[in-house]
Amino acid sequence: MDGKPSSAPSIDALVRLTAGGMDKVNQLILARVGSDVMLIPEIARHLINSGGKRLRPMLTLATAELCGYSGEGDAKLAASVEFMHTATLLHDDVVDGSEMRRGRLAARMLWGNEASVLVGDFLLGQAFKMMVEVGSLQALDVLSTAAAVIAEGEVMQLAAAKNTETTEDEYLAVIRAKTAALFAAACEVGPIIAGQGKAEQAACRSYGANLGIAFQLIDDALDYGGTSAKLGKNVGDDFREGKITLPVVLSFRRGSDAERAFWKKTMEAGNGSDAELEHAISIMRRHRAIEDTVERARHYGAMAVDALALFPDGPMKSAMLEAVDFCISRAY
């Protein structure tokens, strides 16, 4: 992309520019996971302290600042976004039967499925409480709509699970709902509380949605072509869980009858062996499925960049553009 720095792209600039706001967000997060029910802070902190990038709340702060906001509401909305994200991770791990999350044992492995689901519900409740405190009905509308859409995406994914006939369009519909919806909402509430017009709101929303899709597609590619350190989960987890992601969809569509039979067998059975994972990766390489997934991610990344064109150049805009490059560059 134009004006790309010669060094590897990073989110360092975004982290630096939102540092003050993120301090407030982190204080809010710690204050709001407090509960007399001991298990709640224990489980919530396990996930919150496990070193996620906190990209979504940073984007809420970034878009608010990009749009000239000065107030306290952005930190509360950013904390709400992080709680929504954390809740979906807790629920996701239960649904997927995941053992690892961000390189540590998933909460469900330590405290059980029931506690994980219920603490996720507690965090969603706290998220909505903070949104109400901010007092913007429109921001509340955007984030509550996103919560419903994410849940729809979860159910869609459940219906598509292990179904090798899933089309690329169907798969994209799942990640638009599951991943992109929260990125889009996180970015849209910034201009809303800054009192910006429809054009700025739509631009920030488009940036978030396209970045979210690119982010997920890179994750999908990394599951077959990355390292555990980059992923924060085990390489091949999607494969072992029988998750249908874009590299599988493309490989299945482009494959021979024998290859399709292999996908059907391993995806439906789940718990694929290391040897089967190796075979899966070799099929993907043959059909350029991993490269093409990265290529699709680039396409959405370019749309995210274009979405910010209506904002004047400045440090925050540059940092947000570099964040797109960073998300794509994780594949290398």
Foldseek 3Di string as FASTA:
>chain_A
DPPDDPDAFDLVLLCVVCVVLVVLLVVVLLVLQDDPPVLSSVQSCVVVVLDDPLVLLSLLSLLLVLLPDDDNLSSLLSNLLVLLVQLVQLLVCLVLVAQFALQHGHSCVVPNNVSSNVSSVSSNVSSLVSVVVSPQPVLSVLVVVLSVLLVVLVVLQVVCQLPLQDAPVSQLSSQLNNFQSSQLSSQLVSNVNSVDDPLSSVLSSLLRNLLRLLLVLLLVLCLLVNCCNLNSGHRCSCQLSLGDHQLSNQLCVPDDPVVVVLNSVSSVVHRDDPVSSVVSSVSSVVRVRSVVSLVVSVVSLVSSLVSCVVRDDDSSNVSSNSVSSNSSVSND
